N, C-alpha and C. Protein backbone atom coordinates (compact mmCIF):
# COMPACT_ATOMS: atom_id res chain seq x y z
N MET A 1 76.09 -55.73 87.72
CA MET A 1 75.22 -54.31 87.59
C MET A 1 74.22 -54.19 87.67
N ARG A 2 73.68 -53.89 89.13
CA ARG A 2 72.23 -53.35 88.45
C ARG A 2 71.79 -52.18 88.39
N SER A 3 70.62 -52.11 87.88
CA SER A 3 70.73 -50.45 87.39
C SER A 3 69.39 -49.80 88.70
N LYS A 4 70.27 -48.62 88.47
CA LYS A 4 69.51 -47.83 89.73
C LYS A 4 67.99 -47.62 89.42
N TYR A 5 67.66 -47.95 88.40
CA TYR A 5 66.41 -47.37 87.82
C TYR A 5 65.10 -48.54 87.61
N LYS A 6 64.62 -48.68 89.25
CA LYS A 6 63.40 -50.03 88.53
C LYS A 6 62.13 -49.44 88.14
N LYS A 7 61.61 -50.51 87.37
CA LYS A 7 60.35 -50.12 87.27
C LYS A 7 59.20 -49.99 87.79
N MET A 8 58.26 -48.91 87.62
CA MET A 8 57.45 -48.88 87.82
C MET A 8 55.55 -49.04 88.00
N VAL A 9 54.46 -49.73 87.83
CA VAL A 9 53.53 -49.58 87.04
C VAL A 9 52.46 -48.94 88.16
N ILE A 10 51.60 -48.29 87.59
CA ILE A 10 50.60 -47.75 88.38
C ILE A 10 48.99 -48.32 87.65
N GLY A 11 48.26 -48.90 88.26
CA GLY A 11 47.38 -49.21 88.24
C GLY A 11 45.85 -48.37 87.22
N HIS A 12 45.60 -49.00 86.42
CA HIS A 12 44.10 -47.79 85.81
C HIS A 12 43.07 -48.64 85.01
N SER A 13 42.80 -50.06 85.90
CA SER A 13 41.72 -50.47 85.12
C SER A 13 40.85 -50.75 85.89
N GLU A 14 40.07 -50.34 85.31
CA GLU A 14 38.16 -50.49 85.74
C GLU A 14 37.71 -51.43 86.21
N LYS A 15 38.23 -52.45 86.20
CA LYS A 15 37.64 -53.65 86.11
C LYS A 15 37.46 -54.07 87.67
N HIS A 16 35.72 -54.65 88.15
CA HIS A 16 35.99 -54.85 89.34
C HIS A 16 37.13 -56.16 90.27
N THR A 17 37.56 -56.01 90.67
CA THR A 17 38.07 -56.88 91.71
C THR A 17 38.21 -56.92 93.62
N SER A 18 38.55 -57.63 93.85
CA SER A 18 38.07 -57.84 94.92
C SER A 18 38.79 -56.92 96.41
N PHE A 19 39.59 -56.31 95.65
CA PHE A 19 40.20 -55.05 96.59
C PHE A 19 40.73 -54.03 95.21
N GLU A 20 40.75 -52.80 96.66
CA GLU A 20 40.81 -51.70 95.66
C GLU A 20 41.85 -50.47 95.72
N GLY A 21 42.89 -50.12 94.99
CA GLY A 21 43.77 -48.91 95.10
C GLY A 21 43.21 -47.58 95.42
N ILE A 22 44.02 -46.94 95.75
CA ILE A 22 43.87 -45.33 95.88
C ILE A 22 44.45 -44.80 95.37
N ALA A 23 43.92 -44.26 94.31
CA ALA A 23 44.71 -42.83 93.26
C ALA A 23 44.84 -42.34 94.08
N LYS A 24 46.06 -41.96 93.31
CA LYS A 24 47.05 -40.10 93.54
C LYS A 24 45.93 -39.29 93.52
N LYS A 25 45.89 -37.99 93.69
CA LYS A 25 45.45 -36.50 93.09
C LYS A 25 46.59 -35.68 92.45
N SER A 26 46.17 -34.44 91.91
CA SER A 26 46.72 -33.54 91.85
C SER A 26 45.78 -32.71 91.89
N VAL A 27 46.23 -31.43 92.15
CA VAL A 27 45.21 -29.92 92.95
C VAL A 27 46.22 -29.28 91.41
N VAL A 28 45.05 -28.46 90.56
CA VAL A 28 45.38 -26.84 90.08
C VAL A 28 44.38 -26.33 89.81
N CYS A 29 44.92 -24.90 90.16
CA CYS A 29 44.15 -23.89 89.81
C CYS A 29 43.91 -23.64 88.57
N VAL A 30 42.11 -23.34 88.19
CA VAL A 30 41.54 -22.65 87.06
C VAL A 30 41.66 -21.35 87.42
N SER A 31 42.15 -20.53 86.19
CA SER A 31 41.39 -19.00 87.07
C SER A 31 41.00 -18.08 85.31
N ARG A 32 41.17 -17.22 85.32
CA ARG A 32 40.41 -16.26 84.43
C ARG A 32 39.19 -16.69 83.35
N LEU A 33 38.42 -17.39 84.35
CA LEU A 33 37.07 -17.95 83.69
C LEU A 33 35.88 -16.76 84.33
N LYS A 34 35.32 -16.80 83.08
CA LYS A 34 34.15 -15.33 83.32
C LYS A 34 33.75 -15.44 84.58
N SER A 35 33.47 -14.02 84.95
CA SER A 35 32.90 -13.90 86.52
C SER A 35 31.73 -14.82 86.70
N GLY A 36 31.39 -15.03 87.53
CA GLY A 36 30.16 -16.30 87.93
C GLY A 36 30.25 -17.79 87.30
N THR A 37 31.37 -18.26 86.34
CA THR A 37 31.34 -19.46 86.37
C THR A 37 31.32 -20.59 87.94
N PRO A 38 29.95 -21.47 87.69
CA PRO A 38 30.03 -22.38 88.38
C PRO A 38 30.86 -23.65 88.51
N THR A 39 30.82 -24.30 89.26
CA THR A 39 32.23 -25.42 89.28
C THR A 39 31.88 -26.34 88.92
N ASP A 40 30.21 -26.66 89.01
CA ASP A 40 29.58 -27.27 88.22
C ASP A 40 29.95 -27.58 86.50
N VAL A 41 30.02 -26.70 85.99
CA VAL A 41 29.86 -26.75 84.48
C VAL A 41 31.49 -26.56 84.30
N VAL A 42 32.48 -26.75 84.88
CA VAL A 42 33.89 -26.87 84.29
C VAL A 42 33.84 -28.01 84.71
N SER A 43 33.44 -29.02 86.19
CA SER A 43 33.21 -30.40 86.32
C SER A 43 33.03 -31.39 85.18
N ASP A 44 32.12 -30.57 84.55
CA ASP A 44 31.33 -31.47 84.00
C ASP A 44 31.74 -31.47 82.28
N HIS A 45 32.39 -30.16 82.15
CA HIS A 45 33.20 -30.08 81.03
C HIS A 45 34.75 -31.23 81.04
N LEU A 46 34.96 -31.16 82.20
CA LEU A 46 36.57 -31.86 82.76
C LEU A 46 35.83 -33.27 82.23
N LYS A 47 34.95 -33.84 82.87
CA LYS A 47 34.27 -35.22 82.72
C LYS A 47 33.48 -35.60 81.49
N ASN A 48 33.23 -34.99 81.11
CA ASN A 48 33.06 -34.96 79.11
C ASN A 48 34.06 -35.35 78.52
N ASN A 49 35.33 -34.80 79.01
CA ASN A 49 36.49 -34.38 78.45
C ASN A 49 37.64 -36.08 79.18
N GLY A 50 36.92 -37.00 79.25
CA GLY A 50 37.50 -38.10 80.45
C GLY A 50 38.67 -38.12 81.23
N ILE A 51 38.15 -36.92 82.46
CA ILE A 51 38.95 -36.82 83.17
C ILE A 51 38.50 -36.90 83.90
N ASN A 52 38.60 -37.48 85.38
CA ASN A 52 37.71 -37.89 86.34
C ASN A 52 38.49 -36.73 87.50
N VAL A 53 37.22 -36.19 87.69
CA VAL A 53 37.63 -34.74 89.00
C VAL A 53 36.88 -35.11 90.05
N LEU A 54 37.56 -35.27 91.45
CA LEU A 54 37.23 -36.19 92.70
C LEU A 54 36.67 -34.57 93.37
N SER A 55 37.48 -33.21 92.96
CA SER A 55 36.52 -32.16 93.78
C SER A 55 36.70 -31.06 93.30
N SER A 56 35.73 -29.79 93.29
CA SER A 56 36.23 -28.35 92.70
C SER A 56 35.23 -27.67 93.37
N PHE A 57 36.50 -26.73 93.96
CA PHE A 57 35.84 -25.63 95.44
C PHE A 57 35.68 -23.62 94.21
N ASP A 58 35.14 -23.47 94.18
CA ASP A 58 35.57 -21.39 93.67
C ASP A 58 36.12 -20.70 95.02
N VAL A 59 37.15 -20.28 94.70
CA VAL A 59 38.18 -19.64 95.60
C VAL A 59 38.18 -18.36 94.88
N SER A 60 37.36 -18.27 94.05
CA SER A 60 37.56 -16.35 93.57
C SER A 60 36.92 -15.52 95.38
N PRO A 61 37.68 -14.54 95.30
CA PRO A 61 37.84 -13.71 96.18
C PRO A 61 36.89 -13.32 96.73
N ASP A 62 36.24 -12.96 97.95
CA ASP A 62 34.53 -12.47 98.27
C ASP A 62 34.60 -11.36 97.90
N VAL A 63 33.56 -10.61 97.45
CA VAL A 63 33.33 -9.36 96.84
C VAL A 63 32.12 -8.67 97.16
N GLU A 64 31.93 -7.78 97.87
CA GLU A 64 30.54 -7.42 98.09
C GLU A 64 29.61 -7.20 96.80
N ASP A 65 30.27 -6.18 95.57
CA ASP A 65 29.55 -6.02 94.77
C ASP A 65 30.04 -7.06 93.72
N GLU A 66 28.74 -8.02 93.54
CA GLU A 66 30.22 -8.99 92.13
C GLU A 66 30.09 -7.98 91.05
N LEU A 67 30.15 -7.01 90.34
CA LEU A 67 30.22 -6.74 89.65
C LEU A 67 31.89 -5.92 89.41
N LYS A 68 32.44 -5.78 90.53
CA LYS A 68 33.69 -6.16 90.77
C LYS A 68 34.28 -6.84 90.97
N LEU A 69 34.41 -8.25 90.79
CA LEU A 69 34.96 -9.35 90.33
C LEU A 69 35.14 -9.65 89.00
N ARG A 70 36.24 -9.30 88.52
CA ARG A 70 37.13 -10.06 87.23
C ARG A 70 36.47 -11.14 86.35
N PHE A 71 37.16 -11.75 87.19
CA PHE A 71 37.16 -13.60 86.84
C PHE A 71 37.03 -14.24 87.74
N THR A 72 36.33 -15.59 87.78
CA THR A 72 36.19 -16.38 88.68
C THR A 72 37.38 -17.57 88.63
N SER A 73 37.88 -17.91 90.19
CA SER A 73 38.74 -18.51 89.85
C SER A 73 38.87 -19.94 91.02
N MET A 74 39.29 -21.69 90.73
CA MET A 74 38.69 -22.67 91.14
C MET A 74 39.92 -23.44 91.54
N ARG A 75 39.76 -24.34 91.97
CA ARG A 75 40.64 -25.25 92.94
C ARG A 75 39.83 -26.60 92.60
N VAL A 76 40.96 -27.26 91.54
CA VAL A 76 40.21 -28.56 90.72
C VAL A 76 41.26 -29.71 91.52
N CYS A 77 41.11 -31.09 91.92
CA CYS A 77 41.23 -31.88 92.28
C CYS A 77 40.81 -33.14 91.30
N VAL A 78 42.12 -33.73 90.54
CA VAL A 78 41.30 -34.82 89.43
C VAL A 78 42.88 -35.72 90.18
N CYS A 79 42.75 -37.32 89.43
CA CYS A 79 43.84 -38.30 89.25
C CYS A 79 44.73 -37.89 88.66
N SER A 80 45.95 -38.19 89.19
CA SER A 80 47.09 -38.01 88.55
C SER A 80 47.29 -38.28 87.37
N MET A 81 46.41 -38.95 87.18
CA MET A 81 46.84 -39.73 85.68
C MET A 81 46.10 -39.09 84.87
N ASP A 82 45.34 -37.99 85.33
CA ASP A 82 44.62 -37.34 84.20
C ASP A 82 45.18 -36.31 84.08
N ILE A 83 46.51 -35.87 84.85
CA ILE A 83 47.16 -34.77 84.90
C ILE A 83 47.83 -34.06 83.47
N LYS A 84 48.12 -34.99 82.32
CA LYS A 84 48.64 -34.45 81.37
C LYS A 84 47.19 -33.80 80.14
N LYS A 85 45.96 -34.77 80.32
CA LYS A 85 44.56 -34.27 79.95
C LYS A 85 44.58 -32.92 80.01
N LEU A 86 44.61 -32.60 81.46
CA LEU A 86 44.29 -31.47 82.29
C LEU A 86 45.45 -30.10 82.05
N TYR A 87 46.43 -30.32 81.44
CA TYR A 87 46.85 -29.39 80.90
C TYR A 87 47.53 -29.08 79.28
N ASP A 88 46.48 -29.87 78.48
CA ASP A 88 46.02 -29.78 77.35
C ASP A 88 45.03 -28.20 77.18
N GLY A 89 45.88 -27.27 76.14
CA GLY A 89 45.44 -25.41 75.93
C GLY A 89 44.51 -25.86 75.28
N ASN A 90 44.09 -26.97 74.58
CA ASN A 90 43.11 -26.91 73.37
C ASN A 90 41.47 -27.65 74.10
N LEU A 91 41.85 -28.02 75.32
CA LEU A 91 40.42 -28.35 76.65
C LEU A 91 40.29 -27.26 77.25
N TRP A 92 40.96 -25.90 76.75
CA TRP A 92 40.03 -24.53 77.65
C TRP A 92 39.99 -23.52 76.83
N PRO A 93 38.91 -22.93 77.28
CA PRO A 93 38.49 -21.37 76.50
C PRO A 93 39.55 -20.41 76.26
N MET A 94 39.77 -19.84 75.48
CA MET A 94 40.82 -18.31 75.36
C MET A 94 40.82 -18.43 76.58
N GLY A 95 42.50 -18.01 76.91
CA GLY A 95 41.87 -16.87 78.29
C GLY A 95 42.03 -17.76 79.36
N VAL A 96 42.01 -18.80 79.93
CA VAL A 96 41.30 -19.88 80.94
C VAL A 96 43.19 -20.05 81.02
N VAL A 97 43.48 -19.98 82.41
CA VAL A 97 44.67 -20.15 83.04
C VAL A 97 44.66 -21.35 84.16
N VAL A 98 45.46 -22.69 83.54
CA VAL A 98 45.69 -23.65 84.45
C VAL A 98 46.80 -24.19 84.83
N ARG A 99 47.43 -23.85 85.90
CA ARG A 99 48.38 -24.20 86.81
C ARG A 99 48.29 -24.82 88.24
N PRO A 100 49.37 -25.58 88.64
CA PRO A 100 49.02 -26.52 89.99
C PRO A 100 49.34 -25.71 90.75
N TRP A 101 48.34 -26.10 92.07
CA TRP A 101 47.85 -25.35 93.13
C TRP A 101 49.21 -25.10 93.94
N LYS A 102 49.39 -23.86 94.78
CA LYS A 102 49.90 -23.41 95.21
C LYS A 102 49.11 -23.37 96.71
N PHE A 103 50.03 -24.95 97.99
CA PHE A 103 49.39 -25.11 98.74
C PHE A 103 50.41 -24.11 100.05
N LYS A 104 49.78 -23.39 101.05
CA LYS A 104 50.31 -22.53 101.99
C LYS A 104 50.39 -23.35 103.24
N HIS A 105 52.18 -23.10 103.26
CA HIS A 105 52.34 -23.98 104.44
C HIS A 105 51.50 -23.29 106.18
N ARG A 106 51.32 -24.30 106.59
CA ARG A 106 50.90 -23.48 108.48
C ARG A 106 52.03 -23.57 109.31
N SER A 107 51.51 -22.15 109.86
CA SER A 107 53.11 -22.18 110.84
C SER A 107 52.72 -22.27 112.09
């Protein structure tokens, strides 16, 4: 009888070879950051904690009066193999919320 589960391996070696793979990506929303927090500060924090940041964008609403903006939100894209590290509450300052990014369907 054959097992219905097949083994799978995802490479994570950083050795140089004659070919390259394309890492799977995960996108998250990081919100409730202090108003005005720059994306490079968050990216640097993640990189210093061993998380490969592929991109990050400020997605806070445009508000004419910056004093009315209560907090900053960001869209952060990382390698999927780092996602467990990203969801560790000890990585983030108190009050910061990290959740999967919700993509809107185009009609």
